[in-house]
Amino acid sequence: YADSVKGRFTISRDNARNTVYLQMNSLKPEDTAVYYCAR
């Protein structure tokens, strides 16, 4: 994780469903952005 999100965000994946997740907690205004996933 980037230092800016460590402890607040959690990345996970379910390969059987071909899906990746990003759980974002304790969100801050500086988290405002377009979020992209990539392989």
ModelCIF file with pLDDT and N, C-alpha, C, O atoms, coordinates in Angstrom:
data_MODEL
#
_entry.id   MODEL 
#
_entity.id                         1 
_entity.type                       polymer 
_entity.pdbx_number_of_molecules   1 
#
_entity_poly.entity_id                      1 
_entity_poly.type                           'polypeptide(L)' 
_entity_poly.nstd_linkage                   no 
_entity_poly.nstd_monomer                   no 
_entity_poly.pdbx_seq_one_letter_code       YADSVKGRFTISRDNARNTVYLQMNSLKPEDTAVYYCAR 
_entity_poly.pdbx_seq_one_letter_code_can   YADSVKGRFTISRDNARNTVYLQMNSLKPEDTAVYYCAR 
_entity_poly.pdbx_strand_id                 A 
#
loop_
_entity_poly_seq.entity_id 
_entity_poly_seq.num 
_entity_poly_seq.mon_id 
_entity_poly_seq.hetero 
1 1  TYR n 
1 2  ALA n 
1 3  ASP n 
1 4  SER n 
1 5  VAL n 
1 6  LYS n 
1 7  GLY n 
1 8  ARG n 
1 9  PHE n 
1 10 THR n 
1 11 ILE n 
1 12 SER n 
1 13 ARG n 
1 14 ASP n 
1 15 ASN n 
1 16 ALA n 
1 17 ARG n 
1 18 ASN n 
1 19 THR n 
1 20 VAL n 
1 21 TYR n 
1 22 LEU n 
1 23 GLN n 
1 24 MET n 
1 25 ASN n 
1 26 SER n 
1 27 LEU n 
1 28 LYS n 
1 29 PRO n 
1 30 GLU n 
1 31 ASP n 
1 32 THR n 
1 33 ALA n 
1 34 VAL n 
1 35 TYR n 
1 36 TYR n 
1 37 CYS n 
1 38 ALA n 
1 39 ARG n 
#
_struct_asym.id          A 
_struct_asym.entity_id   1 
#
loop_
_ma_qa_metric.id 
_ma_qa_metric.mode 
_ma_qa_metric.name 
_ma_qa_metric.software_group_id 
_ma_qa_metric.type 
1 global pLDDT . pLDDT 
2 local  pLDDT . pLDDT 
#
_ma_qa_metric_global.metric_id      1 
_ma_qa_metric_global.metric_value   96.62 
_ma_qa_metric_global.model_id       1 
_ma_qa_metric_global.ordinal_id     1 
#
loop_
_ma_qa_metric_local.label_asym_id 
_ma_qa_metric_local.label_comp_id 
_ma_qa_metric_local.label_seq_id 
_ma_qa_metric_local.metric_id 
_ma_qa_metric_local.metric_value 
_ma_qa_metric_local.model_id 
_ma_qa_metric_local.ordinal_id 
A TYR 1  2 98.00 1 1  
A ALA 2  2 98.00 1 2  
A ASP 3  2 98.00 1 3  
A SER 4  2 98.00 1 4  
A VAL 5  2 98.00 1 5  
A LYS 6  2 98.00 1 6  
A GLY 7  2 98.00 1 7  
A ARG 8  2 98.00 1 8  
A PHE 9  2 98.00 1 9  
A THR 10 2 98.00 1 10 
A ILE 11 2 98.00 1 11 
A SER 12 2 97.00 1 12 
A ARG 13 2 95.00 1 13 
A ASP 14 2 93.00 1 14 
A ASN 15 2 89.00 1 15 
A ALA 16 2 89.00 1 16 
A ARG 17 2 91.00 1 17 
A ASN 18 2 91.00 1 18 
A THR 19 2 94.00 1 19 
A VAL 20 2 96.00 1 20 
A TYR 21 2 98.00 1 21 
A LEU 22 2 98.00 1 22 
A GLN 23 2 98.00 1 23 
A MET 24 2 98.00 1 24 
A ASN 25 2 98.00 1 25 
A SER 26 2 98.00 1 26 
A LEU 27 2 98.00 1 27 
A LYS 28 2 98.00 1 28 
A PRO 29 2 98.00 1 29 
A GLU 30 2 97.00 1 30 
A ASP 31 2 98.00 1 31 
A THR 32 2 98.00 1 32 
A ALA 33 2 98.00 1 33 
A VAL 34 2 98.00 1 34 
A TYR 35 2 98.00 1 35 
A TYR 36 2 98.00 1 36 
A CYS 37 2 97.00 1 37 
A ALA 38 2 96.00 1 38 
A ARG 39 2 95.00 1 39 
#
loop_
_atom_site.group_PDB 
_atom_site.id 
_atom_site.type_symbol 
_atom_site.label_atom_id 
_atom_site.label_alt_id 
_atom_site.label_comp_id 
_atom_site.label_asym_id 
_atom_site.label_entity_id 
_atom_site.label_seq_id 
_atom_site.pdbx_PDB_ins_code 
_atom_site.Cartn_x 
_atom_site.Cartn_y 
_atom_site.Cartn_z 
_atom_site.occupancy 
_atom_site.B_iso_or_equiv 
_atom_site.pdbx_formal_charge 
_atom_site.auth_seq_id 
_atom_site.auth_comp_id 
_atom_site.auth_asym_id 
_atom_site.auth_atom_id 
_atom_site.pdbx_PDB_model_num 
ATOM 1   N N  . TYR A 1 1  ? 0.811   -1.203  0.000   1.00 98.00 ? 1  TYR A N  1 
ATOM 2   C CA . TYR A 1 1  ? 0.000   0.000   0.000   1.00 98.00 ? 1  TYR A CA 1 
ATOM 3   C C  . TYR A 1 1  ? 0.847   1.255   0.000   1.00 98.00 ? 1  TYR A C  1 
ATOM 4   O O  . TYR A 1 1  ? 1.938   1.288   0.569   1.00 98.00 ? 1  TYR A O  1 
ATOM 5   N N  . ALA A 1 2  ? 0.329   2.284   -0.645  1.00 98.00 ? 2  ALA A N  1 
ATOM 6   C CA . ALA A 1 2  ? 0.931   3.601   -0.513  1.00 98.00 ? 2  ALA A CA 1 
ATOM 7   C C  . ALA A 1 2  ? 0.804   4.072   0.928   1.00 98.00 ? 2  ALA A C  1 
ATOM 8   O O  . ALA A 1 2  ? -0.167  3.747   1.611   1.00 98.00 ? 2  ALA A O  1 
ATOM 9   N N  . ASP A 1 3  ? 1.790   4.842   1.386   1.00 98.00 ? 3  ASP A N  1 
ATOM 10  C CA . ASP A 1 3  ? 1.763   5.325   2.770   1.00 98.00 ? 3  ASP A CA 1 
ATOM 11  C C  . ASP A 1 3  ? 0.491   6.123   3.074   1.00 98.00 ? 3  ASP A C  1 
ATOM 12  O O  . ASP A 1 3  ? -0.006  6.100   4.200   1.00 98.00 ? 3  ASP A O  1 
ATOM 13  N N  . SER A 1 4  ? -0.023  6.816   2.081   1.00 98.00 ? 4  SER A N  1 
ATOM 14  C CA . SER A 1 4  ? -1.174  7.676   2.287   1.00 98.00 ? 4  SER A CA 1 
ATOM 15  C C  . SER A 1 4  ? -2.454  6.914   2.608   1.00 98.00 ? 4  SER A C  1 
ATOM 16  O O  . SER A 1 4  ? -3.390  7.487   3.166   1.00 98.00 ? 4  SER A O  1 
ATOM 17  N N  . VAL A 1 5  ? -2.505  5.625   2.262   1.00 98.00 ? 5  VAL A N  1 
ATOM 18  C CA . VAL A 1 5  ? -3.718  4.842   2.486   1.00 98.00 ? 5  VAL A CA 1 
ATOM 19  C C  . VAL A 1 5  ? -3.500  3.673   3.434   1.00 98.00 ? 5  VAL A C  1 
ATOM 20  O O  . VAL A 1 5  ? -4.458  2.985   3.789   1.00 98.00 ? 5  VAL A O  1 
ATOM 21  N N  . LYS A 1 6  ? -2.277  3.436   3.848   1.00 98.00 ? 6  LYS A N  1 
ATOM 22  C CA . LYS A 1 6  ? -1.963  2.301   4.706   1.00 98.00 ? 6  LYS A CA 1 
ATOM 23  C C  . LYS A 1 6  ? -2.756  2.371   6.006   1.00 98.00 ? 6  LYS A C  1 
ATOM 24  O O  . LYS A 1 6  ? -2.804  3.409   6.666   1.00 98.00 ? 6  LYS A O  1 
ATOM 25  N N  . GLY A 1 7  ? -3.371  1.257   6.358   1.00 98.00 ? 7  GLY A N  1 
ATOM 26  C CA . GLY A 1 7  ? -4.189  1.198   7.556   1.00 98.00 ? 7  GLY A CA 1 
ATOM 27  C C  . GLY A 1 7  ? -5.631  1.573   7.342   1.00 98.00 ? 7  GLY A C  1 
ATOM 28  O O  . GLY A 1 7  ? -6.466  1.338   8.215   1.00 98.00 ? 7  GLY A O  1 
ATOM 29  N N  . ARG A 1 8  ? -5.947  2.159   6.188   1.00 98.00 ? 8  ARG A N  1 
ATOM 30  C CA . ARG A 1 8  ? -7.313  2.558   5.884   1.00 98.00 ? 8  ARG A CA 1 
ATOM 31  C C  . ARG A 1 8  ? -7.913  1.754   4.735   1.00 98.00 ? 8  ARG A C  1 
ATOM 32  O O  . ARG A 1 8  ? -9.110  1.466   4.738   1.00 98.00 ? 8  ARG A O  1 
ATOM 33  N N  . PHE A 1 9  ? -7.089  1.390   3.750   1.00 98.00 ? 9  PHE A N  1 
ATOM 34  C CA . PHE A 1 9  ? -7.559  0.673   2.569   1.00 98.00 ? 9  PHE A CA 1 
ATOM 35  C C  . PHE A 1 9  ? -7.093  -0.774  2.629   1.00 98.00 ? 9  PHE A C  1 
ATOM 36  O O  . PHE A 1 9  ? -6.032  -1.073  3.179   1.00 98.00 ? 9  PHE A O  1 
ATOM 37  N N  . THR A 1 10 ? -7.891  -1.667  2.061   1.00 98.00 ? 10 THR A N  1 
ATOM 38  C CA . THR A 1 10 ? -7.539  -3.073  1.963   1.00 98.00 ? 10 THR A CA 1 
ATOM 39  C C  . THR A 1 10 ? -7.829  -3.574  0.560   1.00 98.00 ? 10 THR A C  1 
ATOM 40  O O  . THR A 1 10 ? -8.949  -3.447  0.066   1.00 98.00 ? 10 THR A O  1 
ATOM 41  N N  . ILE A 1 11 ? -6.818  -4.144  -0.079  1.00 98.00 ? 11 ILE A N  1 
ATOM 42  C CA . ILE A 1 11 ? -6.993  -4.741  -1.393  1.00 98.00 ? 11 ILE A CA 1 
ATOM 43  C C  . ILE A 1 11 ? -7.182  -6.247  -1.225  1.00 98.00 ? 11 ILE A C  1 
ATOM 44  O O  . ILE A 1 11 ? -6.532  -6.868  -0.383  1.00 98.00 ? 11 ILE A O  1 
ATOM 45  N N  . SER A 1 12 ? -8.060  -6.823  -2.016  1.00 97.00 ? 12 SER A N  1 
ATOM 46  C CA . SER A 1 12 ? -8.296  -8.254  -1.973  1.00 97.00 ? 12 SER A CA 1 
ATOM 47  C C  . SER A 1 12 ? -8.701  -8.729  -3.358  1.00 97.00 ? 12 SER A C  1 
ATOM 48  O O  . SER A 1 12 ? -8.970  -7.920  -4.247  1.00 97.00 ? 12 SER A O  1 
ATOM 49  N N  . ARG A 1 13 ? -8.744  -10.041 -3.537  1.00 95.00 ? 13 ARG A N  1 
ATOM 50  C CA . ARG A 1 13 ? -9.134  -10.571 -4.834  1.00 95.00 ? 13 ARG A CA 1 
ATOM 51  C C  . ARG A 1 13 ? -9.844  -11.897 -4.675  1.00 95.00 ? 13 ARG A C  1 
ATOM 52  O O  . ARG A 1 13 ? -9.634  -12.623 -3.703  1.00 95.00 ? 13 ARG A O  1 
ATOM 53  N N  . ASP A 1 14 ? -10.681 -12.198 -5.639  1.00 93.00 ? 14 ASP A N  1 
ATOM 54  C CA . ASP A 1 14 ? -11.378 -13.468 -5.730  1.00 93.00 ? 14 ASP A CA 1 
ATOM 55  C C  . ASP A 1 14 ? -11.135 -13.979 -7.136  1.00 93.00 ? 14 ASP A C  1 
ATOM 56  O O  . ASP A 1 14 ? -11.848 -13.619 -8.073  1.00 93.00 ? 14 ASP A O  1 
ATOM 57  N N  . ASN A 1 15 ? -10.121 -14.822 -7.277  1.00 89.00 ? 15 ASN A N  1 
ATOM 58  C CA . ASN A 1 15 ? -9.728  -15.279 -8.608  1.00 89.00 ? 15 ASN A CA 1 
ATOM 59  C C  . ASN A 1 15 ? -10.805 -16.121 -9.277  1.00 89.00 ? 15 ASN A C  1 
ATOM 60  O O  . ASN A 1 15 ? -10.921 -16.116 -10.502 1.00 89.00 ? 15 ASN A O  1 
ATOM 61  N N  . ALA A 1 16 ? -11.590 -16.841 -8.494  1.00 89.00 ? 16 ALA A N  1 
ATOM 62  C CA . ALA A 1 16 ? -12.664 -17.640 -9.065  1.00 89.00 ? 16 ALA A CA 1 
ATOM 63  C C  . ALA A 1 16 ? -13.705 -16.765 -9.752  1.00 89.00 ? 16 ALA A C  1 
ATOM 64  O O  . ALA A 1 16 ? -14.362 -17.201 -10.697 1.00 89.00 ? 16 ALA A O  1 
ATOM 65  N N  . ARG A 1 17 ? -13.852 -15.541 -9.280  1.00 91.00 ? 17 ARG A N  1 
ATOM 66  C CA . ARG A 1 17 ? -14.804 -14.610 -9.869  1.00 91.00 ? 17 ARG A CA 1 
ATOM 67  C C  . ARG A 1 17 ? -14.139 -13.560 -10.751 1.00 91.00 ? 17 ARG A C  1 
ATOM 68  O O  . ARG A 1 17 ? -14.813 -12.669 -11.267 1.00 91.00 ? 17 ARG A O  1 
ATOM 69  N N  . ASN A 1 18 ? -12.819 -13.658 -10.928 1.00 91.00 ? 18 ASN A N  1 
ATOM 70  C CA . ASN A 1 18 ? -12.086 -12.702 -11.754 1.00 91.00 ? 18 ASN A CA 1 
ATOM 71  C C  . ASN A 1 18 ? -12.341 -11.265 -11.302 1.00 91.00 ? 18 ASN A C  1 
ATOM 72  O O  . ASN A 1 18 ? -12.589 -10.379 -12.120 1.00 91.00 ? 18 ASN A O  1 
ATOM 73  N N  . THR A 1 19 ? -12.276 -11.053 -9.998  1.00 94.00 ? 19 THR A N  1 
ATOM 74  C CA . THR A 1 19 ? -12.613 -9.760  -9.426  1.00 94.00 ? 19 THR A CA 1 
ATOM 75  C C  . THR A 1 19 ? -11.587 -9.347  -8.379  1.00 94.00 ? 19 THR A C  1 
ATOM 76  O O  . THR A 1 19 ? -11.118 -10.168 -7.591  1.00 94.00 ? 19 THR A O  1 
ATOM 77  N N  . VAL A 1 20 ? -11.245 -8.059  -8.385  1.00 96.00 ? 20 VAL A N  1 
ATOM 78  C CA . VAL A 1 20 ? -10.366 -7.451  -7.397  1.00 96.00 ? 20 VAL A CA 1 
ATOM 79  C C  . VAL A 1 20 ? -11.151 -6.358  -6.680  1.00 96.00 ? 20 VAL A C  1 
ATOM 80  O O  . VAL A 1 20 ? -11.964 -5.664  -7.290  1.00 96.00 ? 20 VAL A O  1 
ATOM 81  N N  . TYR A 1 21 ? -10.904 -6.212  -5.390  1.00 98.00 ? 21 TYR A N  1 
ATOM 82  C CA . TYR A 1 21 ? -11.646 -5.264  -4.571  1.00 98.00 ? 21 TYR A CA 1 
ATOM 83  C C  . TYR A 1 21 ? -10.700 -4.276  -3.896  1.00 98.00 ? 21 TYR A C  1 
ATOM 84  O O  . TYR A 1 21 ? -9.525  -4.565  -3.670  1.00 98.00 ? 21 TYR A O  1 
ATOM 85  N N  . LEU A 1 22 ? -11.236 -3.122  -3.585  1.00 98.00 ? 22 LEU A N  1 
ATOM 86  C CA . LEU A 1 22 ? -10.538 -2.152  -2.756  1.00 98.00 ? 22 LEU A CA 1 
ATOM 87  C C  . LEU A 1 22 ? -11.525 -1.631  -1.722  1.00 98.00 ? 22 LEU A C  1 
ATOM 88  O O  . LEU A 1 22 ? -12.421 -0.848  -2.039  1.00 98.00 ? 22 LEU A O  1 
ATOM 89  N N  . GLN A 1 23 ? -11.352 -2.072  -0.490  1.00 98.00 ? 23 GLN A N  1 
ATOM 90  C CA . GLN A 1 23 ? -12.163 -1.580  0.615   1.00 98.00 ? 23 GLN A CA 1 
ATOM 91  C C  . GLN A 1 23 ? -11.509 -0.324  1.168   1.00 98.00 ? 23 GLN A C  1 
ATOM 92  O O  . GLN A 1 23 ? -10.355 -0.359  1.593   1.00 98.00 ? 23 GLN A O  1 
ATOM 93  N N  . MET A 1 24 ? -12.237 0.783   1.165   1.00 98.00 ? 24 MET A N  1 
ATOM 94  C CA . MET A 1 24 ? -11.714 2.071   1.584   1.00 98.00 ? 24 MET A CA 1 
ATOM 95  C C  . MET A 1 24 ? -12.482 2.537   2.814   1.00 98.00 ? 24 MET A C  1 
ATOM 96  O O  . MET A 1 24 ? -13.684 2.794   2.743   1.00 98.00 ? 24 MET A O  1 
ATOM 97  N N  . ASN A 1 25 ? -11.790 2.644   3.931   1.00 98.00 ? 25 ASN A N  1 
ATOM 98  C CA . ASN A 1 25 ? -12.377 3.093   5.182   1.00 98.00 ? 25 ASN A CA 1 
ATOM 99  C C  . ASN A 1 25 ? -11.748 4.410   5.610   1.00 98.00 ? 25 ASN A C  1 
ATOM 100 O O  . ASN A 1 25 ? -10.689 4.797   5.116   1.00 98.00 ? 25 ASN A O  1 
ATOM 101 N N  . SER A 1 26 ? -12.408 5.087   6.528   1.00 98.00 ? 26 SER A N  1 
ATOM 102 C CA . SER A 1 26 ? -11.912 6.358   7.066   1.00 98.00 ? 26 SER A CA 1 
ATOM 103 C C  . SER A 1 26 ? -11.506 7.312   5.951   1.00 98.00 ? 26 SER A C  1 
ATOM 104 O O  . SER A 1 26 ? -10.420 7.891   5.980   1.00 98.00 ? 26 SER A O  1 
ATOM 105 N N  . LEU A 1 27 ? -12.373 7.466   4.986   1.00 98.00 ? 27 LEU A N  1 
ATOM 106 C CA . LEU A 1 27 ? -12.050 8.262   3.808   1.00 98.00 ? 27 LEU A CA 1 
ATOM 107 C C  . LEU A 1 27 ? -11.857 9.732   4.156   1.00 98.00 ? 27 LEU A C  1 
ATOM 108 O O  . LEU A 1 27 ? -12.528 10.282  5.030   1.00 98.00 ? 27 LEU A O  1 
ATOM 109 N N  . LYS A 1 28 ? -10.922 10.346  3.446   1.00 98.00 ? 28 LYS A N  1 
ATOM 110 C CA . LYS A 1 28 ? -10.580 11.747  3.621   1.00 98.00 ? 28 LYS A CA 1 
ATOM 111 C C  . LYS A 1 28 ? -10.839 12.501  2.323   1.00 98.00 ? 28 LYS A C  1 
ATOM 112 O O  . LYS A 1 28 ? -10.833 11.896  1.250   1.00 98.00 ? 28 LYS A O  1 
ATOM 113 N N  . PRO A 1 29 ? -11.067 13.813  2.401   1.00 98.00 ? 29 PRO A N  1 
ATOM 114 C CA . PRO A 1 29 ? -11.266 14.584  1.164   1.00 98.00 ? 29 PRO A CA 1 
ATOM 115 C C  . PRO A 1 29 ? -10.125 14.425  0.164   1.00 98.00 ? 29 PRO A C  1 
ATOM 116 O O  . PRO A 1 29 ? -10.364 14.457  -1.043  1.00 98.00 ? 29 PRO A O  1 
ATOM 117 N N  . GLU A 1 30 ? -8.903  14.256  0.632   1.00 97.00 ? 30 GLU A N  1 
ATOM 118 C CA . GLU A 1 30 ? -7.775  14.086  -0.267  1.00 97.00 ? 30 GLU A CA 1 
ATOM 119 C C  . GLU A 1 30 ? -7.766  12.745  -0.992  1.00 97.00 ? 30 GLU A C  1 
ATOM 120 O O  . GLU A 1 30 ? -6.938  12.530  -1.877  1.00 97.00 ? 30 GLU A O  1 
ATOM 121 N N  . ASP A 1 31 ? -8.673  11.842  -0.632  1.00 98.00 ? 31 ASP A N  1 
ATOM 122 C CA . ASP A 1 31 ? -8.837  10.600  -1.370  1.00 98.00 ? 31 ASP A CA 1 
ATOM 123 C C  . ASP A 1 31 ? -9.668  10.782  -2.634  1.00 98.00 ? 31 ASP A C  1 
ATOM 124 O O  . ASP A 1 31 ? -9.774  9.860   -3.442  1.00 98.00 ? 31 ASP A O  1 
ATOM 125 N N  . THR A 1 32 ? -10.255 11.954  -2.813  1.00 98.00 ? 32 THR A N  1 
ATOM 126 C CA . THR A 1 32 ? -11.080 12.220  -3.982  1.00 98.00 ? 32 THR A CA 1 
ATOM 127 C C  . THR A 1 32 ? -10.257 12.083  -5.256  1.00 98.00 ? 32 THR A C  1 
ATOM 128 O O  . THR A 1 32 ? -9.229  12.741  -5.410  1.00 98.00 ? 32 THR A O  1 
ATOM 129 N N  . ALA A 1 33 ? -10.709 11.232  -6.165  1.00 98.00 ? 33 ALA A N  1 
ATOM 130 C CA . ALA A 1 33 ? -9.985  10.964  -7.400  1.00 98.00 ? 33 ALA A CA 1 
ATOM 131 C C  . ALA A 1 33 ? -10.780 9.969   -8.230  1.00 98.00 ? 33 ALA A C  1 
ATOM 132 O O  . ALA A 1 33 ? -11.765 9.397   -7.763  1.00 98.00 ? 33 ALA A O  1 
ATOM 133 N N  . VAL A 1 34 ? -10.342 9.773   -9.457  1.00 98.00 ? 34 VAL A N  1 
ATOM 134 C CA . VAL A 1 34 ? -10.804 8.654   -10.259 1.00 98.00 ? 34 VAL A CA 1 
ATOM 135 C C  . VAL A 1 34 ? -9.900  7.473   -9.941  1.00 98.00 ? 34 VAL A C  1 
ATOM 136 O O  . VAL A 1 34 ? -8.676  7.587   -9.999  1.00 98.00 ? 34 VAL A O  1 
ATOM 137 N N  . TYR A 1 35 ? -10.499 6.348   -9.609  1.00 98.00 ? 35 TYR A N  1 
ATOM 138 C CA . TYR A 1 35 ? -9.752  5.155   -9.233  1.00 98.00 ? 35 TYR A CA 1 
ATOM 139 C C  . TYR A 1 35 ? -9.761  4.147   -10.370 1.00 98.00 ? 35 TYR A C  1 
ATOM 140 O O  . TYR A 1 35 ? -10.809 3.851   -10.942 1.00 98.00 ? 35 TYR A O  1 
ATOM 141 N N  . TYR A 1 36 ? -8.586  3.625   -10.692 1.00 98.00 ? 36 TYR A N  1 
ATOM 142 C CA . TYR A 1 36 ? -8.405  2.676   -11.779 1.00 98.00 ? 36 TYR A CA 1 
ATOM 143 C C  . TYR A 1 36 ? -7.824  1.369   -11.254 1.00 98.00 ? 36 TYR A C  1 
ATOM 144 O O  . TYR A 1 36 ? -6.958  1.377   -10.379 1.00 98.00 ? 36 TYR A O  1 
ATOM 145 N N  . CYS A 1 37 ? -8.296  0.257   -11.782 1.00 97.00 ? 37 CYS A N  1 
ATOM 146 C CA . CYS A 1 37 ? -7.623  -1.006  -11.543 1.00 97.00 ? 37 CYS A CA 1 
ATOM 147 C C  . CYS A 1 37 ? -6.847  -1.390  -12.789 1.00 97.00 ? 37 CYS A C  1 
ATOM 148 O O  . CYS A 1 37 ? -7.172  -0.956  -13.893 1.00 97.00 ? 37 CYS A O  1 
ATOM 149 N N  . ALA A 1 38 ? -5.815  -2.211  -12.605 1.00 96.00 ? 38 ALA A N  1 
ATOM 150 C CA . ALA A 1 38 ? -4.945  -2.576  -13.710 1.00 96.00 ? 38 ALA A CA 1 
ATOM 151 C C  . ALA A 1 38 ? -4.285  -3.920  -13.439 1.00 96.00 ? 38 ALA A C  1 
ATOM 152 O O  . ALA A 1 38 ? -4.134  -4.334  -12.290 1.00 96.00 ? 38 ALA A O  1 
ATOM 153 N N  . ARG A 1 39 ? -3.895  -4.594  -14.515 1.00 95.00 ? 39 ARG A N  1 
ATOM 154 C CA . ARG A 1 39 ? -3.229  -5.888  -14.441 1.00 95.00 ? 39 ARG A CA 1 
ATOM 155 C C  . ARG A 1 39 ? -1.746  -5.730  -14.674 1.00 95.00 ? 39 ARG A C  1 
ATOM 156 O O  . ARG A 1 39 ? -1.009  -6.715  -14.650 1.00 95.00 ? 39 ARG A O  1 
#
